[in-house]
Amino acid sequence: MRASDLLGARVLTSTGEDLGVVSGLRCTPDGPKKRGTLPAPRLRAVVVTPRGLGAVLGYRQQEQRGPWLVRVIMRRLHRHDRVIGWDDIREVGDGVIRLRAGADGE
């Protein structure tokens, strides 16, 4: 699976409620070592936002620098973002991610 398979995908709860789109991936560098000395990144969670505007610019991240007004606006727009653990994902396919029962990303 590639990051492009996940980014922009719709995220639905087990009951079909639309939570938004995947705007980011959270990884840790603890995967298998395939090439070189660094371990491969392992996907731990997806970031879901009800709005996609500005997420790809990185303004959702706290350490992102830029014009203060843009930072303030983007953080306000993305205050409802959710981080959903990879273990809470039941199915990925055709631009849709479905969560397992009981997982709502809160």
N, C-alpha and C. Protein backbone atom coordinates (compact mmCIF):
# COMPACT_ATOMS: atom_id res chain seq x y z
N MET A 1 0.84 -1.17 0.00
CA MET A 1 0.00 0.00 0.00
C MET A 1 0.89 1.24 0.00
N ARG A 2 0.46 2.25 -0.72
CA ARG A 2 1.19 3.50 -0.82
C ARG A 2 0.46 4.61 -0.09
N ALA A 3 1.20 5.64 0.27
CA ALA A 3 0.59 6.79 0.94
C ALA A 3 -0.50 7.40 0.06
N SER A 4 -0.31 7.39 -1.24
CA SER A 4 -1.30 7.97 -2.15
C SER A 4 -2.62 7.20 -2.14
N ASP A 5 -2.59 5.94 -1.70
CA ASP A 5 -3.83 5.16 -1.57
C ASP A 5 -4.66 5.65 -0.38
N LEU A 6 -4.02 6.27 0.59
CA LEU A 6 -4.70 6.70 1.81
C LEU A 6 -5.03 8.19 1.82
N LEU A 7 -4.08 9.01 1.38
CA LEU A 7 -4.29 10.46 1.41
C LEU A 7 -5.46 10.85 0.51
N GLY A 8 -6.40 11.59 1.07
CA GLY A 8 -7.58 12.01 0.32
C GLY A 8 -8.73 11.03 0.37
N ALA A 9 -8.52 9.86 0.98
CA ALA A 9 -9.59 8.86 1.06
C ALA A 9 -10.64 9.30 2.07
N ARG A 10 -11.90 8.99 1.80
CA ARG A 10 -13.00 9.25 2.71
C ARG A 10 -12.93 8.26 3.86
N VAL A 11 -13.22 8.70 5.06
CA VAL A 11 -13.21 7.83 6.23
C VAL A 11 -14.64 7.71 6.76
N LEU A 12 -15.10 6.47 6.86
CA LEU A 12 -16.45 6.18 7.34
C LEU A 12 -16.40 5.33 8.59
N THR A 13 -17.31 5.60 9.53
CA THR A 13 -17.42 4.76 10.71
C THR A 13 -18.06 3.44 10.31
N SER A 14 -18.16 2.52 11.24
CA SER A 14 -18.78 1.22 10.96
C SER A 14 -20.27 1.37 10.63
N THR A 15 -20.87 2.49 11.07
CA THR A 15 -22.28 2.73 10.77
C THR A 15 -22.49 3.58 9.52
N GLY A 16 -21.39 3.96 8.86
CA GLY A 16 -21.48 4.72 7.62
C GLY A 16 -21.39 6.22 7.76
N GLU A 17 -21.17 6.73 8.98
CA GLU A 17 -21.02 8.17 9.18
C GLU A 17 -19.72 8.64 8.55
N ASP A 18 -19.80 9.73 7.77
CA ASP A 18 -18.64 10.29 7.10
C ASP A 18 -17.88 11.20 8.06
N LEU A 19 -16.62 10.84 8.37
CA LEU A 19 -15.80 11.65 9.28
C LEU A 19 -14.97 12.69 8.56
N GLY A 20 -14.75 12.53 7.26
CA GLY A 20 -13.92 13.46 6.50
C GLY A 20 -12.95 12.71 5.63
N VAL A 21 -11.84 13.38 5.33
CA VAL A 21 -10.82 12.79 4.46
C VAL A 21 -9.49 12.68 5.19
N VAL A 22 -8.66 11.74 4.74
CA VAL A 22 -7.33 11.58 5.31
C VAL A 22 -6.45 12.71 4.79
N SER A 23 -5.91 13.50 5.72
CA SER A 23 -5.07 14.62 5.33
C SER A 23 -3.61 14.42 5.74
N GLY A 24 -3.35 13.36 6.50
CA GLY A 24 -1.98 13.11 6.93
C GLY A 24 -1.81 11.71 7.45
N LEU A 25 -0.55 11.31 7.55
CA LEU A 25 -0.20 9.99 8.05
C LEU A 25 0.80 10.16 9.19
N ARG A 26 0.66 9.36 10.22
CA ARG A 26 1.60 9.37 11.34
C ARG A 26 2.37 8.06 11.30
N CYS A 27 3.66 8.16 11.19
CA CYS A 27 4.52 6.98 11.08
C CYS A 27 5.61 7.03 12.14
N THR A 28 6.16 5.86 12.44
CA THR A 28 7.33 5.77 13.31
C THR A 28 8.40 4.99 12.56
N PRO A 29 9.66 5.35 12.77
CA PRO A 29 10.75 4.67 12.04
C PRO A 29 11.19 3.38 12.74
N ASP A 30 10.30 2.39 12.78
CA ASP A 30 10.65 1.14 13.45
C ASP A 30 10.28 -0.09 12.62
N GLY A 31 10.16 0.10 11.32
CA GLY A 31 9.85 -1.01 10.43
C GLY A 31 11.09 -1.81 10.08
N PRO A 32 10.94 -2.76 9.19
CA PRO A 32 12.08 -3.59 8.79
C PRO A 32 13.14 -2.78 8.05
N LYS A 33 14.39 -3.19 8.18
CA LYS A 33 15.49 -2.56 7.46
C LYS A 33 15.64 -3.26 6.12
N LYS A 34 15.32 -2.54 5.05
CA LYS A 34 15.43 -3.13 3.72
C LYS A 34 16.66 -2.65 2.99
N ARG A 35 16.87 -1.35 3.02
CA ARG A 35 18.02 -0.75 2.33
C ARG A 35 18.70 0.23 3.27
N GLY A 36 19.99 0.19 3.28
CA GLY A 36 20.73 1.13 4.12
C GLY A 36 20.62 0.77 5.59
N THR A 37 20.84 1.77 6.42
CA THR A 37 20.86 1.51 7.86
C THR A 37 19.61 2.00 8.58
N LEU A 38 18.78 2.78 7.92
CA LEU A 38 17.58 3.31 8.56
C LEU A 38 16.41 2.34 8.41
N PRO A 39 15.63 2.14 9.47
CA PRO A 39 14.45 1.28 9.36
C PRO A 39 13.36 1.96 8.54
N ALA A 40 12.53 1.16 7.93
CA ALA A 40 11.41 1.68 7.14
C ALA A 40 10.38 2.30 8.07
N PRO A 41 9.66 3.31 7.60
CA PRO A 41 8.60 3.88 8.44
C PRO A 41 7.43 2.89 8.54
N ARG A 42 6.81 2.85 9.71
CA ARG A 42 5.64 2.00 9.95
C ARG A 42 4.45 2.92 10.24
N LEU A 43 3.37 2.72 9.50
CA LEU A 43 2.18 3.53 9.67
C LEU A 43 1.51 3.22 11.00
N ARG A 44 1.29 4.25 11.81
CA ARG A 44 0.66 4.09 13.12
C ARG A 44 -0.74 4.68 13.18
N ALA A 45 -1.00 5.75 12.40
CA ALA A 45 -2.29 6.42 12.46
C ALA A 45 -2.50 7.27 11.22
N VAL A 46 -3.76 7.61 10.98
CA VAL A 46 -4.11 8.55 9.92
C VAL A 46 -4.76 9.77 10.57
N VAL A 47 -4.54 10.93 9.98
CA VAL A 47 -5.16 12.16 10.45
C VAL A 47 -6.34 12.44 9.52
N VAL A 48 -7.51 12.61 10.12
CA VAL A 48 -8.74 12.82 9.36
C VAL A 48 -9.26 14.21 9.66
N THR A 49 -9.60 14.93 8.61
CA THR A 49 -10.14 16.28 8.78
C THR A 49 -11.44 16.42 8.00
N PRO A 50 -12.42 17.10 8.59
CA PRO A 50 -13.66 17.34 7.86
C PRO A 50 -13.46 18.33 6.71
N ARG A 51 -12.38 19.12 6.78
CA ARG A 51 -12.05 20.09 5.72
C ARG A 51 -10.65 19.79 5.21
N GLY A 52 -10.47 19.81 3.91
CA GLY A 52 -9.16 19.55 3.34
C GLY A 52 -8.35 20.80 3.07
N LEU A 53 -8.98 21.96 3.14
CA LEU A 53 -8.33 23.22 2.80
C LEU A 53 -7.14 23.50 3.71
N GLY A 54 -5.97 23.64 3.15
CA GLY A 54 -4.79 24.01 3.91
C GLY A 54 -4.05 22.85 4.53
N ALA A 55 -4.65 21.68 4.59
CA ALA A 55 -3.98 20.55 5.23
C ALA A 55 -2.73 20.15 4.48
N VAL A 56 -2.79 20.19 3.16
CA VAL A 56 -1.62 19.79 2.38
C VAL A 56 -0.51 20.83 2.44
N LEU A 57 -0.80 22.01 2.93
CA LEU A 57 0.23 23.03 3.07
C LEU A 57 1.01 22.87 4.36
N GLY A 58 0.55 22.00 5.26
CA GLY A 58 1.26 21.75 6.49
C GLY A 58 0.88 22.66 7.64
N TYR A 59 -0.09 23.53 7.45
CA TYR A 59 -0.44 24.47 8.50
C TYR A 59 -1.18 23.82 9.66
N ARG A 60 -1.50 22.56 9.55
CA ARG A 60 -2.15 21.83 10.63
C ARG A 60 -1.14 21.50 11.73
N GLN A 61 0.12 21.46 11.37
CA GLN A 61 1.17 21.08 12.31
C GLN A 61 1.59 22.28 13.16
N GLN A 62 1.83 22.03 14.44
CA GLN A 62 2.16 23.11 15.37
C GLN A 62 3.46 23.81 15.02
N GLU A 63 4.46 23.06 14.57
CA GLU A 63 5.77 23.67 14.35
C GLU A 63 5.89 24.37 12.99
N GLN A 64 4.85 24.33 12.17
CA GLN A 64 4.90 24.96 10.86
C GLN A 64 4.99 26.47 11.00
N ARG A 65 5.94 27.07 10.31
CA ARG A 65 6.11 28.51 10.32
C ARG A 65 5.46 29.08 9.07
N GLY A 66 5.09 30.31 9.14
CA GLY A 66 4.48 30.99 8.00
C GLY A 66 3.82 32.26 8.50
N PRO A 67 3.12 32.95 7.62
CA PRO A 67 2.43 34.17 8.05
C PRO A 67 1.48 33.87 9.21
N TRP A 68 1.53 34.66 10.25
CA TRP A 68 0.76 34.37 11.46
C TRP A 68 -0.73 34.30 11.19
N LEU A 69 -1.26 35.14 10.32
CA LEU A 69 -2.69 35.14 10.05
C LEU A 69 -3.12 33.84 9.38
N VAL A 70 -2.32 33.37 8.44
CA VAL A 70 -2.62 32.10 7.77
C VAL A 70 -2.56 30.96 8.78
N ARG A 71 -1.54 30.96 9.65
CA ARG A 71 -1.42 29.93 10.70
C ARG A 71 -2.65 29.90 11.59
N VAL A 72 -3.09 31.06 12.03
CA VAL A 72 -4.24 31.15 12.93
C VAL A 72 -5.50 30.63 12.25
N ILE A 73 -5.71 31.03 11.02
CA ILE A 73 -6.90 30.60 10.29
C ILE A 73 -6.88 29.10 10.05
N MET A 74 -5.75 28.57 9.61
CA MET A 74 -5.66 27.13 9.33
C MET A 74 -5.82 26.29 10.60
N ARG A 75 -5.24 26.71 11.68
CA ARG A 75 -5.41 25.96 12.94
C ARG A 75 -6.86 25.97 13.38
N ARG A 76 -7.52 27.09 13.20
CA ARG A 76 -8.94 27.18 13.56
C ARG A 76 -9.78 26.27 12.67
N LEU A 77 -9.50 26.25 11.40
CA LEU A 77 -10.24 25.39 10.47
C LEU A 77 -10.03 23.91 10.78
N HIS A 78 -8.86 23.55 11.29
CA HIS A 78 -8.53 22.14 11.52
C HIS A 78 -8.59 21.73 12.98
N ARG A 79 -9.30 22.49 13.79
CA ARG A 79 -9.39 22.15 15.21
C ARG A 79 -10.18 20.87 15.45
N HIS A 80 -10.95 20.42 14.48
CA HIS A 80 -11.75 19.20 14.64
C HIS A 80 -11.09 17.98 14.00
N ASP A 81 -9.82 18.09 13.65
CA ASP A 81 -9.11 16.94 13.09
C ASP A 81 -9.10 15.79 14.10
N ARG A 82 -9.07 14.57 13.58
CA ARG A 82 -9.03 13.38 14.43
C ARG A 82 -7.83 12.54 14.02
N VAL A 83 -7.21 11.91 15.00
CA VAL A 83 -6.14 10.96 14.73
C VAL A 83 -6.71 9.57 15.01
N ILE A 84 -6.69 8.74 13.98
CA ILE A 84 -7.27 7.40 14.08
C ILE A 84 -6.15 6.38 13.95
N GLY A 85 -6.01 5.55 14.97
CA GLY A 85 -4.97 4.53 14.98
C GLY A 85 -5.18 3.50 13.88
N TRP A 86 -4.08 2.99 13.35
CA TRP A 86 -4.14 2.01 12.28
C TRP A 86 -4.92 0.75 12.71
N ASP A 87 -4.84 0.41 13.99
CA ASP A 87 -5.56 -0.76 14.51
C ASP A 87 -7.08 -0.58 14.46
N ASP A 88 -7.55 0.67 14.37
CA ASP A 88 -8.99 0.94 14.33
C ASP A 88 -9.57 0.88 12.92
N ILE A 89 -8.70 0.66 11.93
CA ILE A 89 -9.15 0.60 10.54
C ILE A 89 -9.46 -0.84 10.16
N ARG A 90 -10.68 -1.03 9.64
CA ARG A 90 -11.12 -2.36 9.27
C ARG A 90 -10.83 -2.67 7.80
N GLU A 91 -11.04 -1.68 6.93
CA GLU A 91 -10.96 -1.94 5.49
C GLU A 91 -10.51 -0.68 4.74
N VAL A 92 -9.66 -0.88 3.75
CA VAL A 92 -9.21 0.20 2.89
C VAL A 92 -9.44 -0.22 1.45
N GLY A 93 -10.12 0.61 0.67
CA GLY A 93 -10.31 0.28 -0.74
C GLY A 93 -11.14 1.30 -1.48
N ASP A 94 -10.80 1.51 -2.74
CA ASP A 94 -11.53 2.40 -3.64
C ASP A 94 -11.76 3.80 -3.08
N GLY A 95 -10.72 4.35 -2.45
CA GLY A 95 -10.82 5.71 -1.93
C GLY A 95 -11.65 5.86 -0.68
N VAL A 96 -11.98 4.73 -0.03
CA VAL A 96 -12.78 4.76 1.20
C VAL A 96 -12.10 3.92 2.27
N ILE A 97 -12.05 4.45 3.47
CA ILE A 97 -11.53 3.73 4.62
C ILE A 97 -12.67 3.53 5.59
N ARG A 98 -12.88 2.29 6.00
CA ARG A 98 -13.95 1.97 6.95
C ARG A 98 -13.33 1.57 8.29
N LEU A 99 -13.90 2.13 9.36
CA LEU A 99 -13.40 1.84 10.70
C LEU A 99 -14.09 0.61 11.27
N ARG A 100 -13.43 -0.03 12.21
CA ARG A 100 -14.02 -1.19 12.87
C ARG A 100 -15.10 -0.68 13.83
N ALA A 101 -15.97 -1.57 14.24
CA ALA A 101 -17.05 -1.21 15.18
C ALA A 101 -16.44 -0.70 16.48
N GLY A 102 -16.98 0.37 17.00
CA GLY A 102 -16.49 0.94 18.25
C GLY A 102 -15.39 1.97 18.09
N ALA A 103 -14.85 2.11 16.90
CA ALA A 103 -13.78 3.11 16.65
C ALA A 103 -14.41 4.31 15.99
N ASP A 104 -14.28 5.46 16.64
CA ASP A 104 -14.84 6.69 16.07
C ASP A 104 -13.82 7.80 15.93
N GLY A 105 -12.56 7.50 16.28
CA GLY A 105 -11.51 8.50 16.11
C GLY A 105 -11.46 9.54 17.19
N GLU A 106 -12.18 9.37 18.27
CA GLU A 106 -12.15 10.35 19.38
C GLU A 106 -11.04 10.01 20.33
